[in-house]
Amino acid sequence: KQWYQRRVRAAKIDIKERDKLASTQKVGKGMAIICDVELTNVDLENAGDPNNVNWYRVNQETGEDTIVEPTDMYKINKSKGTYRLWFVSPQPEDSGTYKCEFNQQGVQASTDISVVWG
């Protein structure tokens, strides 16, 4: 008999420097939320593509997620193996909960963080 070992695919996701983001951030000072994704047995077509993850802003009242698109206010990129949501000049109204999600090839993982600018 031959035994075939099934390769388990998985994704582990976390926000880097979560503790620094717990304190109130400075208004107008550019900063990034950095999402670290560790993949097991998942081969991405383009590992450097920042669109391998989706960024969302979570509405605290409804629990609904709104996808964050790149604009003059937000930049989305990938650098040194991490995915970044860059706030160009954050304002108090940007305060809220942001979610980083990986969802490809049947593998899903997400994490979120609340950030306050004041």
C-alpha atoms as a PDB file:
ATOM      1  CA  LYS A   1       0.000   0.000   0.000  1.00  0.00           C
ATOM      2  CA  GLN A   2       1.058   3.520  -0.697  1.00  0.00           C
ATOM      3  CA  TRP A   3       0.256   6.317   1.681  1.00  0.00           C
ATOM      4  CA  TYR A   4      -0.218   9.813   0.430  1.00  0.00           C
ATOM      5  CA  GLN A   5       0.357  12.629   2.829  1.00  0.00           C
ATOM      6  CA  ARG A   6      -2.101  15.416   2.177  1.00  0.00           C
ATOM      7  CA  ARG A   7      -0.417  18.789   2.281  1.00  0.00           C
ATOM      8  CA  VAL A   8      -2.281  20.971   4.694  1.00  0.00           C
ATOM      9  CA  ARG A   9      -2.629  24.553   3.477  1.00  0.00           C
ATOM     10  CA  ALA A  10      -2.802  27.274   6.065  1.00  0.00           C
ATOM     11  CA  ALA A  11      -2.349  30.989   6.634  1.00  0.00           C
ATOM     12  CA  LYS A  12      -1.329  32.705   9.857  1.00  0.00           C
ATOM     13  CA  ILE A  13      -1.922  36.428  10.012  1.00  0.00           C
ATOM     14  CA  ASP A  14      -1.045  39.118  12.526  1.00  0.00           C
ATOM     15  CA  ILE A  15      -0.619  42.868  12.910  1.00  0.00           C
ATOM     16  CA  LYS A  16       2.969  43.926  13.560  1.00  0.00           C
ATOM     17  CA  GLU A  17       3.725  46.333  16.426  1.00  0.00           C
ATOM     18  CA  ARG A  18       0.162  45.971  17.682  1.00  0.00           C
ATOM     19  CA  ASP A  19       1.191  47.420  21.067  1.00  0.00           C
ATOM     20  CA  LYS A  20       2.397  50.688  19.465  1.00  0.00           C
ATOM     21  CA  LEU A  21      -0.952  51.099  17.702  1.00  0.00           C
ATOM     22  CA  ALA A  22      -2.823  50.746  20.994  1.00  0.00           C
ATOM     23  CA  SER A  23      -1.916  54.303  21.983  1.00  0.00           C
ATOM     24  CA  THR A  24      -3.451  57.379  20.328  1.00  0.00           C
ATOM     25  CA  GLN A  25      -1.668  58.168  17.047  1.00  0.00           C
ATOM     26  CA  LYS A  26      -0.617  61.645  15.961  1.00  0.00           C
ATOM     27  CA  VAL A  27      -2.996  63.399  13.532  1.00  0.00           C
ATOM     28  CA  GLY A  28      -1.412  64.242  10.173  1.00  0.00           C
ATOM     29  CA  LYS A  29       1.606  61.978  10.713  1.00  0.00           C
ATOM     30  CA  GLY A  30       1.845  59.310   8.001  1.00  0.00           C
ATOM     31  CA  MET A  31       1.854  55.768   9.372  1.00  0.00           C
ATOM     32  CA  ALA A  32       1.087  52.205   8.366  1.00  0.00           C
ATOM     33  CA  ILE A  33      -0.791  49.243   9.730  1.00  0.00           C
ATOM     34  CA  ILE A  34       1.468  46.307   8.897  1.00  0.00           C
ATOM     35  CA  CYS A  35      -0.054  42.883   8.315  1.00  0.00           C
ATOM     36  CA  ASP A  36       2.255  39.863   8.465  1.00  0.00           C
ATOM     37  CA  VAL A  37       1.022  36.771   6.583  1.00  0.00           C
ATOM     38  CA  GLU A  38       2.715  33.408   7.022  1.00  0.00           C
ATOM     39  CA  LEU A  39       1.602  30.826   4.455  1.00  0.00           C
ATOM     40  CA  THR A  40       1.993  27.054   4.617  1.00  0.00           C
ATOM     41  CA  ASN A  41       1.729  25.080   1.356  1.00  0.00           C
ATOM     42  CA  VAL A  42       0.049  27.964  -0.472  1.00  0.00           C
ATOM     43  CA  ASP A  43       1.729  28.939  -3.731  1.00  0.00           C
ATOM     44  CA  LEU A  44       0.723  32.424  -4.813  1.00  0.00           C
ATOM     45  CA  GLU A  45       0.841  33.330  -8.490  1.00  0.00           C
ATOM     46  CA  ASN A  46       2.554  36.598  -7.602  1.00  0.00           C
ATOM     47  CA  ALA A  47       3.893  36.627  -4.044  1.00  0.00           C
ATOM     48  CA  GLY A  48       4.785  40.338  -4.311  1.00  0.00           C
ATOM     49  CA  ASP A  49       1.253  41.451  -5.190  1.00  0.00           C
ATOM     50  CA  PRO A  50      -0.195  43.719  -2.453  1.00  0.00           C
ATOM     51  CA  ASN A  51      -3.665  42.515  -3.514  1.00  0.00           C
ATOM     52  CA  ASN A  52      -2.998  39.090  -2.025  1.00  0.00           C
ATOM     53  CA  VAL A  53      -4.707  40.505   1.060  1.00  0.00           C
ATOM     54  CA  ASN A  54      -7.770  42.704   1.365  1.00  0.00           C
ATOM     55  CA  TRP A  55      -8.057  45.609   3.786  1.00  0.00           C
ATOM     56  CA  TYR A  56     -11.391  46.534   5.322  1.00  0.00           C
ATOM     57  CA  ARG A  57     -12.736  49.208   7.616  1.00  0.00           C
ATOM     58  CA  VAL A  58     -15.138  47.649  10.107  1.00  0.00           C
ATOM     59  CA  ASN A  59     -18.317  49.520  11.027  1.00  0.00           C
ATOM     60  CA  GLN A  60     -18.557  49.059  14.811  1.00  0.00           C
ATOM     61  CA  GLU A  61     -22.323  49.570  14.887  1.00  0.00           C
ATOM     62  CA  THR A  62     -23.336  47.211  12.079  1.00  0.00           C
ATOM     63  CA  GLY A  63     -20.313  44.899  12.046  1.00  0.00           C
ATOM     64  CA  GLU A  64     -20.155  45.339   8.268  1.00  0.00           C
ATOM     65  CA  ASP A  65     -16.831  45.544   6.467  1.00  0.00           C
ATOM     66  CA  THR A  66     -16.115  48.147   3.788  1.00  0.00           C
ATOM     67  CA  ILE A  67     -13.163  47.389   1.523  1.00  0.00           C
ATOM     68  CA  VAL A  68     -10.396  50.013   1.648  1.00  0.00           C
ATOM     69  CA  GLU A  69      -9.341  51.061  -1.857  1.00  0.00           C
ATOM     70  CA  PRO A  70      -6.101  52.914  -2.632  1.00  0.00           C
ATOM     71  CA  THR A  71      -6.705  56.696  -2.807  1.00  0.00           C
ATOM     72  CA  ASP A  72      -4.801  59.881  -2.040  1.00  0.00           C
ATOM     73  CA  MET A  73      -5.499  59.103   1.627  1.00  0.00           C
ATOM     74  CA  TYR A  74      -4.616  55.392   1.683  1.00  0.00           C
ATOM     75  CA  LYS A  75      -1.793  53.523  -0.002  1.00  0.00           C
ATOM     76  CA  ILE A  76      -1.690  49.741  -0.093  1.00  0.00           C
ATOM     77  CA  ASN A  77       1.596  47.960  -0.723  1.00  0.00           C
ATOM     78  CA  LYS A  78       3.760  44.982   0.079  1.00  0.00           C
ATOM     79  CA  SER A  79       7.250  45.402   1.435  1.00  0.00           C
ATOM     80  CA  LYS A  80       9.719  43.009   3.071  1.00  0.00           C
ATOM     81  CA  GLY A  81       7.161  40.197   3.164  1.00  0.00           C
ATOM     82  CA  THR A  82       4.474  42.235   4.902  1.00  0.00           C
ATOM     83  CA  TYR A  83       1.351  43.927   3.612  1.00  0.00           C
ATOM     84  CA  ARG A  84       0.855  47.581   4.505  1.00  0.00           C
ATOM     85  CA  LEU A  85      -2.091  49.920   4.708  1.00  0.00           C
ATOM     86  CA  TRP A  86      -0.472  53.345   4.682  1.00  0.00           C
ATOM     87  CA  PHE A  87      -2.335  56.403   5.960  1.00  0.00           C
ATOM     88  CA  VAL A  88      -0.878  59.438   4.192  1.00  0.00           C
ATOM     89  CA  SER A  89      -2.172  62.131   6.562  1.00  0.00           C
ATOM     90  CA  PRO A  90      -4.559  60.489   9.040  1.00  0.00           C
ATOM     91  CA  GLN A  91      -7.320  62.548  10.645  1.00  0.00           C
ATOM     92  CA  PRO A  92      -9.492  61.885  13.719  1.00  0.00           C
ATOM     93  CA  GLU A  93     -12.299  60.668  11.417  1.00  0.00           C
ATOM     94  CA  ASP A  94      -9.972  57.873  10.189  1.00  0.00           C
ATOM     95  CA  SER A  95     -10.094  56.403  13.700  1.00  0.00           C
ATOM     96  CA  GLY A  96     -11.680  52.978  13.737  1.00  0.00           C
ATOM     97  CA  THR A  97     -11.163  49.273  13.278  1.00  0.00           C
ATOM     98  CA  TYR A  98      -9.277  47.971  10.264  1.00  0.00           C
ATOM     99  CA  LYS A  99      -9.100  44.364   9.144  1.00  0.00           C
ATOM    100  CA  CYS A 100      -6.480  42.565   7.081  1.00  0.00           C
ATOM    101  CA  GLU A 101      -7.765  39.397   5.382  1.00  0.00           C
ATOM    102  CA  PHE A 102      -6.142  36.652   3.336  1.00  0.00           C
ATOM    103  CA  ASN A 103      -8.650  34.547   1.393  1.00  0.00           C
ATOM    104  CA  GLN A 104      -7.231  32.497  -1.467  1.00  0.00           C
ATOM    105  CA  GLN A 105      -7.153  28.873  -2.614  1.00  0.00           C
ATOM    106  CA  GLY A 106      -9.608  27.864   0.083  1.00  0.00           C
ATOM    107  CA  VAL A 107      -7.402  29.291   2.828  1.00  0.00           C
ATOM    108  CA  GLN A 108      -8.844  32.130   4.901  1.00  0.00           C
ATOM    109  CA  ALA A 109      -7.408  34.097   7.816  1.00  0.00           C
ATOM    110  CA  SER A 110      -7.990  37.596   9.130  1.00  0.00           C
ATOM    111  CA  THR A 111      -7.187  39.876  12.020  1.00  0.00           C
ATOM    112  CA  ASP A 112      -8.209  43.378  12.965  1.00  0.00           C
ATOM    113  CA  ILE A 113      -7.006  46.301  15.013  1.00  0.00           C
ATOM    114  CA  SER A 114      -8.516  49.521  16.295  1.00  0.00           C
ATOM    115  CA  VAL A 115      -6.560  52.722  15.765  1.00  0.00           C
ATOM    116  CA  VAL A 116      -7.329  56.168  17.207  1.00  0.00           C
ATOM    117  CA  TRP A 117      -5.938  59.446  15.875  1.00  0.00           C
ATOM    118  CA  GLY A 118      -6.202  62.429  18.154  1.00  0.00           C
END
